[in-house]
Every structure is written in structure tokens, then in C-alpha cells.
Amino acid sequence: MSGDRDVAAEFGEALNMTAKELERWLSTEESKEVGQKPDGGESTGHASGREIVRLLRKGKSSWTGQDFEHMAKVSDQHSLRRTLGGPAVVTRVCFDSAFSTGLLFGLRRIGVFRAARSPAARRLVAAALSRVHIGSDGFAVRADAVNGERHAALALTGNSQSRVTALVAAYVVRAVVGGALPAGVHHIDQLPPLAGLPEELAGNGVRLHDVL
């Protein structure tokens, strides 16, 4: 399928290590800090790295649909840059509190998270943070496109990010079941039939904003 071939090509272009080099890096302490740790164990990023090693050693002829699915997760930002025909794509995260956002990145910069590598330290930090409630369940997503002096931006705001994420998944599944999408593994940004998704979300409490 052409979609699978595209995903594999993007996956290959996004990699900058061989399987041996990546496996060696995954054995370092630094690698174990990459990504979130939803259950306090291995981070999402570290587990993804192990899966990439498995894919590289498995060989193209043996790749399955689940393999292509993981490749798509790895290459999403690379895919978006390619889809838009732009030189770069950058994503950032922040909280609805300027103080909290600054504090998070400040702690990361001085190495506090590296100091909390042990399971006991992680449990202590998690317990302390669970007692702190800052901000609300509101969220905002903003997309900016810049081409020379031309600049366009669109923003979405709403509440309960998990609920809206589930709605996006439901809309995509409906399009798949209805036969509106091509076969293969694709990123959402590569599927024109889903271009109206923001407007559909607007009927479920999500607000659209023309920033510029």
C-alpha cells in the first residue's frame, strides 16, 4: 500500500542512528529520562526506542500493520513538515499558568528531573505533586504557519482534553468505517477528508479562534 510505503520512508528519514547505536544509547542513564512514565516504570520514549530497534532488525519484508503504526508515531513531526512543504515543524507545551510553565522548564534546565531517577525519588515527587492543584481543565491548541512575511494562525480552546482527544479518535474511526479514508497507515494531517474536523469539534464545546 502506498500509505505504508510513505510511512516507512518517513520513518527511515527521521532516524539518525543504526540499530546498534540506538541499542547502545538505550543502555545509558540519559536515555531512561526520555518521555513520560505513566506507571512510574519505563518511560514511553525508552520503550519506543526498544521497539525501533526491533523494527530495524526485523527487516522490511516482515513488517506488519502494527509495525507501520509504530513508525507513524515516531515520524509524526517529520511527516507534518513534509505534508506542509515547510522547512521545519516545532511543537511546544505550556500550562495555563505562566509561573508553572516557567518553573517546569527551570527545574528541567538545572537537572532536578535527572536527580529523581530512582523509583523512590520518583514516588516522592509524584506524591508531592499530586497534592498541588494549579490551573483548570481548560486547554488550548494553536497552530501557526509562517512563510516569509506571511503569517496565519488558528487556535482551539475547550475543556477536558481527554474527552476531546476521544472525540477526535471517534471521528476518525467513523471516517474509516464509512470508507471515506484511503487504506494504509496515515497521519491525520495527510487526510483531506478530515480537514473539517475542527469545525465538527466546535459542536462539542470546542471553540475556534482566528488569531490573525
Protein backbone atom coordinates (compact mmCIF):
# COMPACT_ATOMS: atom_id res chain seq x y z
CA MET A 1 0.00 0.00 0.00
CA SER A 2 1.27 3.44 -0.86
CA GLY A 3 0.35 4.75 2.60
CA ASP A 4 2.52 2.11 4.27
CA ARG A 5 5.42 2.86 1.90
CA ASP A 6 5.16 6.57 2.70
CA VAL A 7 5.17 5.89 6.44
CA ALA A 8 8.21 3.61 6.08
CA ALA A 9 10.02 6.26 4.02
CA GLU A 10 9.28 8.98 6.60
CA PHE A 11 10.36 6.63 9.40
CA GLY A 12 13.68 5.98 7.65
CA GLU A 13 14.30 9.69 7.04
CA ALA A 14 13.54 10.52 10.68
CA LEU A 15 16.12 8.07 12.06
CA ASN A 16 19.68 9.20 12.71
CA MET A 17 21.04 6.04 14.37
CA THR A 18 21.61 2.44 13.39
CA ALA A 19 20.01 -0.33 15.46
CA LYS A 20 23.34 -0.96 17.21
CA GLU A 21 23.88 2.73 18.01
CA LEU A 22 20.34 3.13 19.33
CA GLU A 23 20.61 0.00 21.47
CA ARG A 24 23.86 1.30 22.95
CA TRP A 25 22.23 4.65 23.76
CA LEU A 26 19.20 2.94 25.34
CA SER A 27 21.55 1.36 27.89
CA THR A 28 22.59 4.81 29.20
CA GLU A 29 21.02 6.64 32.14
CA GLU A 30 20.29 9.64 29.92
CA SER A 31 18.01 7.60 27.67
CA LYS A 32 15.89 6.48 30.62
CA GLU A 33 14.83 10.08 31.23
CA VAL A 34 13.22 10.46 27.80
CA GLY A 35 9.42 10.55 27.71
CA GLN A 36 6.65 10.24 30.26
CA LYS A 37 6.42 7.40 32.79
CA PRO A 38 2.67 6.71 33.06
CA ASP A 39 3.08 3.88 35.60
CA GLY A 40 6.35 5.02 37.17
CA GLY A 41 8.32 2.36 35.27
CA GLU A 42 9.91 2.54 31.83
CA SER A 43 9.31 5.81 30.02
CA THR A 44 7.25 5.95 26.84
CA GLY A 45 10.26 7.24 24.90
CA HIS A 46 12.55 4.45 26.11
CA ALA A 47 10.00 1.76 25.24
CA SER A 48 9.57 3.35 21.81
CA GLY A 49 13.34 3.20 21.30
CA ARG A 50 13.38 -0.52 22.05
CA GLU A 51 10.55 -1.01 19.55
CA ILE A 52 12.52 0.89 16.89
CA VAL A 53 15.50 -1.41 17.43
CA ARG A 54 13.20 -4.41 16.97
CA LEU A 55 11.80 -2.94 13.73
CA LEU A 56 15.24 -2.22 12.29
CA ARG A 57 16.41 -5.76 13.00
CA LYS A 58 13.20 -7.38 11.82
CA GLY A 59 13.61 -6.27 8.21
CA LYS A 60 11.24 -4.59 5.76
CA SER A 61 9.83 -7.79 4.29
CA SER A 62 8.47 -8.88 7.68
CA TRP A 63 6.86 -5.59 8.78
CA THR A 64 3.19 -5.83 9.77
CA GLY A 65 0.36 -3.33 10.15
CA GLN A 66 1.26 -2.83 13.82
CA ASP A 67 4.84 -2.13 12.82
CA PHE A 68 3.74 0.60 10.39
CA GLU A 69 1.53 2.04 13.11
CA HIS A 70 4.53 2.48 15.40
CA MET A 71 6.57 4.01 12.58
CA ALA A 72 3.81 6.59 12.11
CA LYS A 73 4.05 7.57 15.79
CA VAL A 74 7.82 8.02 15.50
CA SER A 75 7.73 10.17 12.38
CA ASP A 76 4.74 12.43 13.08
CA GLN A 77 6.56 15.77 13.23
CA HIS A 78 8.73 14.81 10.27
CA SER A 79 5.56 13.86 8.37
CA LEU A 80 3.86 17.17 9.13
CA ARG A 81 6.82 19.14 7.80
CA ARG A 82 6.76 17.06 4.64
CA THR A 83 2.97 17.33 4.21
CA LEU A 84 3.03 21.11 4.58
CA GLY A 85 6.12 21.51 2.41
CA GLY A 86 7.80 23.64 5.07
CA PRO A 87 11.39 23.68 6.32
CA ALA A 88 10.54 22.83 9.94
CA VAL A 89 7.77 21.95 12.40
CA VAL A 90 8.08 22.77 16.09
CA THR A 91 5.75 21.78 18.93
CA ARG A 92 5.74 23.30 22.42
CA VAL A 93 3.83 22.68 25.63
CA CYS A 94 2.80 25.12 28.34
CA PHE A 95 0.33 25.32 31.22
CA ASP A 96 -2.38 27.90 31.82
CA SER A 97 -0.08 29.39 34.44
CA ALA A 98 3.00 31.29 33.29
CA PHE A 99 4.61 30.61 36.67
CA SER A 100 4.06 26.83 36.42
CA THR A 101 5.38 26.70 32.85
CA GLY A 102 8.48 28.66 33.79
CA LEU A 103 9.02 26.55 36.90
CA LEU A 104 8.77 23.27 34.95
CA PHE A 105 11.36 24.25 32.36
CA GLY A 106 13.55 25.88 35.01
CA LEU A 107 13.65 22.66 37.04
CA ARG A 108 14.41 20.67 33.91
CA ARG A 109 17.24 23.03 32.97
CA ILE A 110 19.00 22.72 36.33
CA GLY A 111 18.72 18.92 36.31
CA VAL A 112 16.12 18.30 39.02
CA PHE A 113 14.41 15.61 36.95
CA ARG A 114 17.74 13.83 36.39
CA ALA A 115 18.22 13.76 40.16
CA ALA A 116 14.86 11.99 40.56
CA ARG A 117 15.79 8.92 38.53
CA SER A 118 15.42 6.35 41.29
CA PRO A 119 11.98 4.75 41.85
CA ALA A 120 11.89 6.04 45.43
CA ALA A 121 12.63 9.61 44.32
CA ARG A 122 10.00 9.40 41.56
CA ARG A 123 7.38 8.19 44.04
CA LEU A 124 8.25 11.04 46.40
CA VAL A 125 7.94 13.65 43.62
CA ALA A 126 4.68 12.13 42.33
CA ALA A 127 3.19 12.14 45.84
CA ALA A 128 4.18 15.77 46.37
CA LEU A 129 2.82 16.93 43.00
CA SER A 130 -0.46 15.05 43.48
CA ARG A 131 -1.27 17.45 46.33
CA VAL A 132 -0.72 20.51 44.13
CA HIS A 133 -3.64 21.68 42.00
CA ILE A 134 -2.88 24.64 39.75
CA GLY A 135 -4.99 25.91 36.88
CA SER A 136 -8.08 24.24 35.46
CA ASP A 137 -9.15 21.55 33.00
CA GLY A 138 -9.06 24.09 30.18
CA PHE A 139 -6.75 23.57 27.21
CA ALA A 140 -5.67 25.47 24.13
CA VAL A 141 -4.08 24.36 20.87
CA ARG A 142 -2.61 26.91 18.49
CA ALA A 143 -1.22 26.32 15.01
CA ASP A 144 0.92 28.96 13.29
CA ALA A 145 2.06 28.87 9.67
CA VAL A 146 4.82 31.24 8.61
CA ASN A 147 6.06 31.79 5.06
CA GLY A 148 8.35 34.78 4.80
CA GLU A 149 6.29 37.78 5.86
CA ARG A 150 3.02 35.85 5.63
CA HIS A 151 1.64 34.51 8.90
CA ALA A 152 -1.62 32.64 9.58
CA ALA A 153 -2.78 31.18 12.88
CA LEU A 154 -5.77 29.26 14.21
CA ALA A 155 -6.47 28.26 17.80
CA LEU A 156 -8.79 25.82 19.53
CA THR A 157 -9.84 26.16 23.18
CA GLY A 158 -12.04 23.99 25.33
CA ASN A 159 -12.22 21.88 28.46
CA SER A 160 -11.38 18.27 29.26
CA GLN A 161 -8.58 17.48 26.84
CA SER A 162 -9.04 13.73 27.29
CA ARG A 163 -12.67 13.97 26.20
CA VAL A 164 -11.78 15.96 23.08
CA THR A 165 -8.97 13.52 22.24
CA ALA A 166 -11.54 10.72 22.42
CA LEU A 167 -13.87 12.69 20.13
CA VAL A 168 -11.10 13.09 17.55
CA ALA A 169 -10.49 9.34 17.66
CA ALA A 170 -14.24 8.70 17.26
CA TYR A 171 -14.48 10.99 14.22
CA VAL A 172 -11.50 9.27 12.61
CA VAL A 173 -12.97 5.81 13.26
CA ARG A 174 -16.29 6.92 11.77
CA ALA A 175 -14.48 8.09 8.62
CA VAL A 176 -12.58 4.79 8.39
CA VAL A 177 -15.71 2.67 8.83
CA GLY A 178 -17.59 4.83 6.35
CA GLY A 179 -14.94 4.27 3.69
CA ALA A 180 -14.01 7.94 3.47
CA LEU A 181 -10.28 7.32 4.04
CA PRO A 182 -7.69 5.50 1.89
CA ALA A 183 -6.25 2.19 3.00
CA GLY A 184 -2.91 2.06 4.82
CA VAL A 185 -1.32 3.87 7.75
CA HIS A 186 -1.53 7.66 7.61
CA HIS A 187 -1.15 10.72 9.81
CA ILE A 188 -4.31 12.77 10.28
CA ASP A 189 -2.68 15.77 8.61
CA GLN A 190 -2.28 13.70 5.42
CA LEU A 191 -6.02 13.04 5.04
CA PRO A 192 -8.00 15.83 3.29
CA PRO A 193 -11.39 14.22 4.18
CA LEU A 194 -10.64 15.15 7.82
CA ALA A 195 -9.96 18.82 7.05
CA GLY A 196 -13.32 19.80 8.56
CA LEU A 197 -12.58 18.13 11.90
CA PRO A 198 -12.07 21.39 13.86
CA GLU A 199 -15.50 22.63 12.77
CA GLU A 200 -17.06 19.31 13.78
CA LEU A 201 -15.45 19.58 17.21
CA ALA A 202 -16.99 23.05 17.56
CA GLY A 203 -20.35 21.34 18.03
CA ASN A 204 -18.96 19.61 21.13
CA GLY A 205 -17.87 22.56 23.20
CA VAL A 206 -14.60 23.33 21.38
CA ARG A 207 -14.18 26.96 20.36
CA LEU A 208 -12.34 28.09 17.21
CA HIS A 209 -10.40 31.35 17.13
CA ASP A 210 -8.92 33.20 14.16
CA VAL A 211 -5.80 34.52 15.87
CA LEU A 212 -4.59 36.66 12.96
